C-alpha atoms as a PDB file:
ATOM      1  CA  SER A   1      29.538  80.287  40.439  1.00  0.00           C
ATOM      2  CA  SER A   2      26.236  80.616  42.226  1.00  0.00           C
ATOM      3  CA  THR A   3      24.442  77.626  43.678  1.00  0.00           C
ATOM      4  CA  GLU A   4      21.789  77.962  40.990  1.00  0.00           C
ATOM      5  CA  SER A   5      24.407  77.835  38.198  1.00  0.00           C
ATOM      6  CA  ILE A   6      25.992  74.754  39.699  1.00  0.00           C
ATOM      7  CA  SER A   7      22.610  72.996  39.919  1.00  0.00           C
ATOM      8  CA  LEU A   8      21.857  73.923  36.316  1.00  0.00           C
ATOM      9  CA  ALA A   9      25.213  72.576  35.160  1.00  0.00           C
ATOM     10  CA  ILE A  10      24.606  69.324  37.029  1.00  0.00           C
ATOM     11  CA  GLN A  11      21.147  69.060  35.468  1.00  0.00           C
ATOM     12  CA  ILE A  12      22.558  69.631  31.986  1.00  0.00           C
ATOM     13  CA  HIS A  13      25.233  66.977  32.606  1.00  0.00           C
ATOM     14  CA  ASP A  14      22.653  64.459  33.800  1.00  0.00           C
ATOM     15  CA  ASP A  15      20.364  65.182  30.842  1.00  0.00           C
ATOM     16  CA  THR A  16      23.252  64.795  28.420  1.00  0.00           C
ATOM     17  CA  LYS A  17      24.268  61.507  30.029  1.00  0.00           C
ATOM     18  CA  SER A  18      20.696  60.226  29.835  1.00  0.00           C
ATOM     19  CA  GLN A  19      20.465  61.250  26.195  1.00  0.00           C
ATOM     20  CA  VAL A  20      23.699  59.418  25.389  1.00  0.00           C
ATOM     21  CA  GLN A  21      22.358  56.307  27.130  1.00  0.00           C
ATOM     22  CA  MET A  22      19.081  56.590  25.205  1.00  0.00           C
ATOM     23  CA  GLU A  23      20.944  56.948  21.929  1.00  0.00           C
ATOM     24  CA  SER A  24      23.035  53.892  22.810  1.00  0.00           C
ATOM     25  CA  GLN A  25      19.901  51.923  23.664  1.00  0.00           C
ATOM     26  CA  LYS A  26      18.292  53.020  20.381  1.00  0.00           C
ATOM     27  CA  SER A  27      21.406  51.913  18.502  1.00  0.00           C
ATOM     28  CA  ASP A  28      21.391  48.530  20.280  1.00  0.00           C
ATOM     29  CA  ALA A  29      17.687  48.122  19.546  1.00  0.00           C
ATOM     30  CA  ALA A  30      18.225  48.999  15.884  1.00  0.00           C
ATOM     31  CA  GLU A  31      21.049  46.455  15.611  1.00  0.00           C
ATOM     32  CA  ALA A  32      18.840  43.832  17.271  1.00  0.00           C
ATOM     33  CA  VAL A  33      16.059  44.556  14.745  1.00  0.00           C
ATOM     34  CA  VAL A  34      18.531  44.327  11.840  1.00  0.00           C
ATOM     35  CA  GLU A  35      19.942  41.048  13.195  1.00  0.00           C
ATOM     36  CA  ALA A  36      16.421  39.631  13.652  1.00  0.00           C
ATOM     37  CA  GLU A  37      15.527  40.601  10.093  1.00  0.00           C
ATOM     38  CA  ARG A  38      18.764  39.007   8.829  1.00  0.00           C
ATOM     39  CA  GLU A  39      17.990  35.761  10.679  1.00  0.00           C
ATOM     40  CA  GLN A  40      14.414  35.801   9.361  1.00  0.00           C
ATOM     41  CA  LEU A  41      15.717  36.282   5.828  1.00  0.00           C
ATOM     42  CA  GLN A  42      18.125  33.346   6.266  1.00  0.00           C
ATOM     43  CA  VAL A  43      15.262  31.152   7.539  1.00  0.00           C
ATOM     44  CA  GLN A  44      13.117  32.173   4.565  1.00  0.00           C
ATOM     45  CA  GLN A  45      15.956  31.400   2.155  1.00  0.00           C
ATOM     46  CA  ALA A  46      16.476  27.982   3.802  1.00  0.00           C
ATOM     47  CA  LEU A  47      12.745  27.227   3.548  1.00  0.00           C
ATOM     48  CA  LEU A  48      12.706  28.262  -0.107  1.00  0.00           C
ATOM     49  CA  ALA A  49      15.710  25.994  -0.808  1.00  0.00           C
ATOM     50  CA  GLN A  50      13.996  23.072   0.943  1.00  0.00           C
ATOM     51  CA  LEU A  51      10.795  23.750  -0.995  1.00  0.00           C
ATOM     52  CA  GLN A  52      12.727  23.762  -4.271  1.00  0.00           C
ATOM     53  CA  LYS A  53      14.449  20.497  -3.310  1.00  0.00           C
ATOM     54  CA  LEU A  54      11.079  18.971  -2.428  1.00  0.00           C
ATOM     55  CA  LYS A  55       9.709  20.010  -5.822  1.00  0.00           C
ATOM     56  CA  GLU A  56      12.710  18.405  -7.550  1.00  0.00           C
ATOM     57  CA  ILE A  57      12.336  15.160  -5.561  1.00  0.00           C
ATOM     58  CA  THR A  58       8.590  15.089  -6.284  1.00  0.00           C
ATOM     59  CA  ALA A  59       9.245  15.615  -9.987  1.00  0.00           C
ATOM     60  CA  GLU A  60      11.889  12.848 -10.020  1.00  0.00           C
ATOM     61  CA  GLN A  61       9.517  10.480  -8.206  1.00  0.00           C
ATOM     62  CA  ALA A  62       6.711  11.264 -10.647  1.00  0.00           C
ATOM     63  CA  ASP A  63       9.099  10.662 -13.554  1.00  0.00           C
ATOM     64  CA  ALA A  64      10.231   7.327 -12.083  1.00  0.00           C
ATOM     65  CA  GLU A  65       6.617   6.234 -11.519  1.00  0.00           C
ATOM     66  CA  SER A  66       5.768   7.212 -15.084  1.00  0.00           C
ATOM     67  CA  LYS A  67       8.697   5.188 -16.432  1.00  0.00           C
ATOM     68  CA  LEU A  68       7.652   2.164 -14.361  1.00  0.00           C
ATOM     69  CA  ARG A  69       4.078   2.427 -15.664  1.00  0.00           C
ATOM     70  CA  ASN A  70       5.355   2.699 -19.230  1.00  0.00           C
ATOM     71  CA  MET A  71       7.683  -0.258 -18.694  1.00  0.00           C
ATOM     72  CA  HIS A  72       4.849  -2.349 -17.309  1.00  0.00           C
ATOM     73  CA  ALA A  73       2.610  -1.397 -20.232  1.00  0.00           C
ATOM     74  CA  THR A  74       5.377  -2.158 -22.738  1.00  0.00           C
ATOM     75  CA  VAL A  75       6.730  -5.386 -21.273  1.00  0.00           C
ATOM     76  CA  GLY A  76       3.566  -6.640 -19.624  1.00  0.00           C
ATOM     77  CA  HIS A  77       5.430  -8.070 -16.626  1.00  0.00           C
ATOM     78  CA  THR A  78       6.095  -6.974 -13.082  1.00  0.00           C
ATOM     79  CA  ALA A  79       9.165  -7.349 -10.895  1.00  0.00           C
ATOM     80  CA  GLU A  80       7.281  -9.513  -8.421  1.00  0.00           C
ATOM     81  CA  ILE A  81       9.571 -11.702  -6.336  1.00  0.00           C
ATOM     82  CA  ARG A  82       8.291 -14.556  -4.248  1.00  0.00           C
ATOM     83  CA  ARG A  83       8.870 -14.482  -0.527  1.00  0.00           C
ATOM     84  CA  VAL A  84      11.989 -16.442   0.395  1.00  0.00           C
ATOM     85  CA  HIS A  85      11.487 -19.533   2.545  1.00  0.00           C
ATOM     86  CA  GLU A  86      13.678 -22.246   3.985  1.00  0.00           C
ATOM     87  CA  THR A  87      14.055 -25.566   2.200  1.00  0.00           C
ATOM     88  CA  THR A  88      16.093 -28.744   2.577  1.00  0.00           C
ATOM     89  CA  LYS A  89      15.546 -29.938  -0.996  1.00  0.00           C
ATOM     90  CA  PHE A  90      18.545 -30.763  -3.143  1.00  0.00           C
ATOM     91  CA  GLY A  91      19.340 -28.382  -5.974  1.00  0.00           C
ATOM     92  CA  TYR A  92      18.715 -29.416  -9.582  1.00  0.00           C
ATOM     93  CA  THR A  93      21.249 -27.097 -11.189  1.00  0.00           C
ATOM     94  CA  PHE A  94      20.790 -24.873 -14.241  1.00  0.00           C
ATOM     95  CA  ALA A  95      22.865 -21.997 -15.583  1.00  0.00           C
ATOM     96  CA  LEU A  96      21.920 -18.848 -17.471  1.00  0.00           C
ATOM     97  CA  ASP A  97      24.977 -17.718 -19.416  1.00  0.00           C
ATOM     98  CA  ASN A  98      25.357 -15.578 -22.540  1.00  0.00           C
ATOM     99  CA  GLY A  99      21.593 -15.575 -23.041  1.00  0.00           C
ATOM    100  CA  ARG A 100      21.389 -19.400 -22.993  1.00  0.00           C
ATOM    101  CA  LEU A 101      19.777 -21.739 -20.477  1.00  0.00           C
ATOM    102  CA  TYR A 102      21.914 -24.768 -19.617  1.00  0.00           C
ATOM    103  CA  ALA A 103      20.873 -27.873 -17.681  1.00  0.00           C
ATOM    104  CA  ILE A 104      23.919 -28.677 -15.558  1.00  0.00           C
ATOM    105  CA  HIS A 105      22.161 -31.653 -13.976  1.00  0.00           C
ATOM    106  CA  THR A 106      20.121 -34.384 -15.583  1.00  0.00           C
ATOM    107  CA  SER A 107      18.094 -37.245 -14.130  1.00  0.00           C
ATOM    108  CA  ASP A 108      16.949 -40.579 -15.535  1.00  0.00           C
ATOM    109  CA  GLY A 109      13.642 -40.104 -13.701  1.00  0.00           C
ATOM    110  CA  SER A 110      14.050 -43.209 -11.568  1.00  0.00           C
ATOM    111  CA  ALA A 111      13.760 -43.044  -7.820  1.00  0.00           C
ATOM    112  CA  SER A 112      15.152 -45.203  -5.056  1.00  0.00           C
ATOM    113  CA  ASN A 113      13.853 -44.745  -1.504  1.00  0.00           C
ATOM    114  CA  ASN A 114      12.100 -41.588  -2.748  1.00  0.00           C
ATOM    115  CA  GLU A 115      15.463 -40.147  -3.758  1.00  0.00           C
ATOM    116  CA  PHE A 116      16.117 -39.216  -7.377  1.00  0.00           C
ATOM    117  CA  SER A 117      19.584 -39.639  -8.805  1.00  0.00           C
ATOM    118  CA  LEU A 118      21.179 -36.648 -10.543  1.00  0.00           C
ATOM    119  CA  THR A 119      24.191 -36.723 -12.831  1.00  0.00           C
ATOM    120  CA  LEU A 120      26.134 -34.018 -14.634  1.00  0.00           C
ATOM    121  CA  ASN A 121      24.721 -33.228 -18.062  1.00  0.00           C
ATOM    122  CA  ARG A 122      27.748 -33.492 -20.323  1.00  0.00           C
ATOM    123  CA  ASP A 123      25.642 -32.516 -23.343  1.00  0.00           C
ATOM    124  CA  ASP A 124      25.395 -28.971 -22.012  1.00  0.00           C
ATOM    125  CA  CYS A 125      28.601 -28.592 -20.032  1.00  0.00           C
ATOM    126  CA  ASP A 126      32.280 -29.485 -19.960  1.00  0.00           C
ATOM    127  CA  VAL A 127      33.523 -31.256 -16.849  1.00  0.00           C
ATOM    128  CA  LEU A 128      37.226 -30.518 -16.385  1.00  0.00           C
ATOM    129  CA  GLU A 129      39.503 -32.217 -13.897  1.00  0.00           C
ATOM    130  CA  SER A 130      42.388 -30.128 -12.564  1.00  0.00           C
ATOM    131  CA  GLY A 131      44.689 -30.019  -9.585  1.00  0.00           C
ATOM    132  CA  GLY A 132      42.189 -27.749  -7.835  1.00  0.00           C
ATOM    133  CA  GLY A 133      39.301 -30.173  -8.296  1.00  0.00           C
ATOM    134  CA  THR A 134      36.466 -30.553 -10.786  1.00  0.00           C
ATOM    135  CA  VAL A 135      35.367 -27.501 -12.759  1.00  0.00           C
ATOM    136  CA  ILE A 136      32.088 -27.298 -14.707  1.00  0.00           C
ATOM    137  CA  ARG A 137      31.601 -24.839 -17.567  1.00  0.00           C
ATOM    138  CA  PRO A 138      28.639 -24.496 -19.940  1.00  0.00           C
ATOM    139  CA  ILE A 139      29.508 -25.237 -23.570  1.00  0.00           C
ATOM    140  CA  ALA A 140      29.192 -22.006 -25.572  1.00  0.00           C
ATOM    141  CA  ASP A 141      26.885 -23.202 -28.369  1.00  0.00           C
ATOM    142  CA  LYS A 142      24.836 -25.702 -26.321  1.00  0.00           C
ATOM    143  CA  GLY A 143      21.853 -25.178 -24.067  1.00  0.00           C
ATOM    144  CA  ILE A 144      18.750 -23.287 -25.187  1.00  0.00           C
ATOM    145  CA  LEU A 145      19.025 -19.804 -26.666  1.00  0.00           C
ATOM    146  CA  LEU A 146      16.564 -17.514 -24.855  1.00  0.00           C
ATOM    147  CA  ARG A 147      17.875 -14.062 -25.716  1.00  0.00           C
ATOM    148  CA  ASP A 148      15.682 -12.297 -28.319  1.00  0.00           C
ATOM    149  CA  SER A 149      13.682 -15.513 -28.817  1.00  0.00           C
ATOM    150  CA  ALA A 150       9.923 -15.221 -29.299  1.00  0.00           C
ATOM    151  CA  THR A 151       9.467 -18.659 -27.687  1.00  0.00           C
ATOM    152  CA  ALA A 152      11.868 -18.097 -24.772  1.00  0.00           C
ATOM    153  CA  GLU A 153       9.321 -18.682 -22.006  1.00  0.00           C
ATOM    154  CA  GLN A 154       7.967 -21.897 -23.529  1.00  0.00           C
ATOM    155  CA  ASP A 155      11.486 -23.158 -24.272  1.00  0.00           C
ATOM    156  CA  ALA A 156      12.513 -22.486 -20.672  1.00  0.00           C
ATOM    157  CA  LYS A 157       9.380 -24.244 -19.445  1.00  0.00           C
ATOM    158  CA  ASP A 158      10.166 -27.313 -21.558  1.00  0.00           C
ATOM    159  CA  ALA A 159      13.708 -27.412 -20.136  1.00  0.00           C
ATOM    160  CA  LEU A 160      12.466 -27.103 -16.537  1.00  0.00           C
ATOM    161  CA  LYS A 161       9.606 -29.618 -16.788  1.00  0.00           C
ATOM    162  CA  PRO A 162      11.773 -32.672 -15.960  1.00  0.00           C
ATOM    163  CA  VAL A 163      12.579 -31.213 -12.530  1.00  0.00           C
ATOM    164  CA  SER A 164      10.727 -33.208  -9.898  1.00  0.00           C
ATOM    165  CA  LYS A 165       9.036 -31.458  -6.969  1.00  0.00           C
ATOM    166  CA  ASN A 166      11.572 -33.308  -4.826  1.00  0.00           C
ATOM    167  CA  PHE A 167      14.126 -30.750  -6.040  1.00  0.00           C
ATOM    168  CA  VAL A 168      14.548 -27.027  -5.965  1.00  0.00           C
ATOM    169  CA  VAL A 169      15.873 -25.392  -9.144  1.00  0.00           C
ATOM    170  CA  ARG A 170      19.259 -23.821  -8.407  1.00  0.00           C
ATOM    171  CA  LEU A 171      19.931 -21.305 -11.150  1.00  0.00           C
ATOM    172  CA  PHE A 172      23.391 -19.770 -11.581  1.00  0.00           C
ATOM    173  CA  VAL A 173      23.118 -16.508 -13.524  1.00  0.00           C
ATOM    174  CA  ALA A 174      26.105 -14.869 -15.216  1.00  0.00           C
ATOM    175  CA  ARG A 175      26.314 -11.103 -14.946  1.00  0.00           C
ATOM    176  CA  ASP A 176      25.736 -10.628 -18.685  1.00  0.00           C
ATOM    177  CA  SER A 177      22.502 -12.663 -18.538  1.00  0.00           C
ATOM    178  CA  PHE A 178      20.540 -10.985 -15.738  1.00  0.00           C
ATOM    179  CA  GLY A 179      18.260  -9.457 -18.389  1.00  0.00           C
ATOM    180  CA  ASP A 180      17.427 -12.934 -19.739  1.00  0.00           C
ATOM    181  CA  PHE A 181      16.008 -14.185 -16.439  1.00  0.00           C
ATOM    182  CA  LEU A 182      12.454 -12.929 -16.995  1.00  0.00           C
ATOM    183  CA  PRO A 183      11.193 -15.768 -19.264  1.00  0.00           C
ATOM    184  CA  VAL A 184      12.834 -18.304 -16.924  1.00  0.00           C
ATOM    185  CA  LYS A 185      11.067 -16.728 -13.937  1.00  0.00           C
ATOM    186  CA  GLU A 186       7.734 -16.868 -15.748  1.00  0.00           C
ATOM    187  CA  ALA A 187       8.335 -20.528 -16.621  1.00  0.00           C
ATOM    188  CA  LEU A 188       9.216 -21.348 -13.002  1.00  0.00           C
ATOM    189  CA  HIS A 189       6.069 -19.626 -11.750  1.00  0.00           C
ATOM    190  CA  SER A 190       3.976 -21.411 -14.365  1.00  0.00           C
ATOM    191  CA  LEU A 191       5.355 -24.754 -13.177  1.00  0.00           C
ATOM    192  CA  ASP A 192       4.954 -23.687  -9.532  1.00  0.00           C
ATOM    193  CA  GLN A 193       8.590 -24.672  -9.061  1.00  0.00           C
ATOM    194  CA  GLU A 194      10.716 -23.503  -6.141  1.00  0.00           C
ATOM    195  CA  TYR A 195      13.989 -21.901  -7.179  1.00  0.00           C
ATOM    196  CA  ILE A 196      17.175 -20.371  -5.826  1.00  0.00           C
ATOM    197  CA  ILE A 197      19.034 -17.672  -7.761  1.00  0.00           C
ATOM    198  CA  GLU A 198      22.826 -17.710  -7.531  1.00  0.00           C
ATOM    199  CA  PRO A 199      24.284 -14.526  -9.138  1.00  0.00           C
ATOM    200  CA  MET A 200      27.794 -14.921 -10.539  1.00  0.00           C
ATOM    201  CA  ILE A 201      30.312 -12.111 -10.142  1.00  0.00           C
ATOM    202  CA  GLY A 202      31.604 -12.438 -13.710  1.00  0.00           C
ATOM    203  CA  ASN A 203      30.217 -12.694 -17.227  1.00  0.00           C
ATOM    204  CA  ASP A 204      30.721 -16.479 -17.323  1.00  0.00           C
ATOM    205  CA  VAL A 205      29.394 -19.334 -15.232  1.00  0.00           C
ATOM    206  CA  GLU A 206      32.106 -21.556 -13.798  1.00  0.00           C
ATOM    207  CA  LEU A 207      31.218 -24.027 -11.047  1.00  0.00           C
ATOM    208  CA  GLN A 208      33.454 -26.105  -8.827  1.00  0.00           C
ATOM    209  CA  LEU A 209      32.366 -29.380  -7.303  1.00  0.00           C
ATOM    210  CA  SER A 210      32.662 -29.477  -3.565  1.00  0.00           C
ATOM    211  CA  GLU A 211      32.185 -32.147  -0.933  1.00  0.00           C
ATOM    212  CA  LYS A 212      30.604 -29.605   1.392  1.00  0.00           C
ATOM    213  CA  THR A 213      26.888 -30.052   1.893  1.00  0.00           C
ATOM    214  CA  GLN A 214      24.351 -27.471   2.894  1.00  0.00           C
ATOM    215  CA  ASP A 215      21.476 -28.672   5.031  1.00  0.00           C
ATOM    216  CA  LYS A 216      19.303 -25.636   4.471  1.00  0.00           C
ATOM    217  CA  SER A 217      18.796 -23.281   1.557  1.00  0.00           C
ATOM    218  CA  TYR A 218      16.456 -20.373   0.957  1.00  0.00           C
ATOM    219  CA  ALA A 219      14.196 -20.686  -2.052  1.00  0.00           C
ATOM    220  CA  GLN A 220      11.558 -18.577  -3.748  1.00  0.00           C
END
């Protein structure tokens, strides 16, 4: 081979090698473009999914607000709850059970050293002595029927009127009577009476006397 042929062969080899490298670079660039487009598509899909979720949440919120407005217009009451504050007043006990309001305590209205005397109201509740202590249960057909009563708020107000400002109303509410609390709340607010709500875990109110005393309570 002549020197010129050898140089030409080397040139062809170098050109071929460069072309292969260029093709490889083009292939890598094309793959990078495809991968970038794939990632962009995934981001777009994620954004669309988030936008759809936001639309659903907005629609649910609007529906909930609409239901609340309708409820307020229908019932005419709000779910306003007074701010809780500390009190050392003794509890004048009531119970809300099976749609009835029971006065667990009663008072003769007399005061000694600015202290009113409370006794158990045996007209509204049974007082049972057992080995475990004294148990108090509302009597099924006693108390004041509030459920489905057109005069529920006024009846509750009449029952709560005897409570002196020296006391805080302590109201035990059975699980089946949470929905009957509204007229009692309105009566308490009307009387400007402090109250403490004690939710019961069951469908019946059952109280046990205890010698333990609580110096502070939190009333509304």
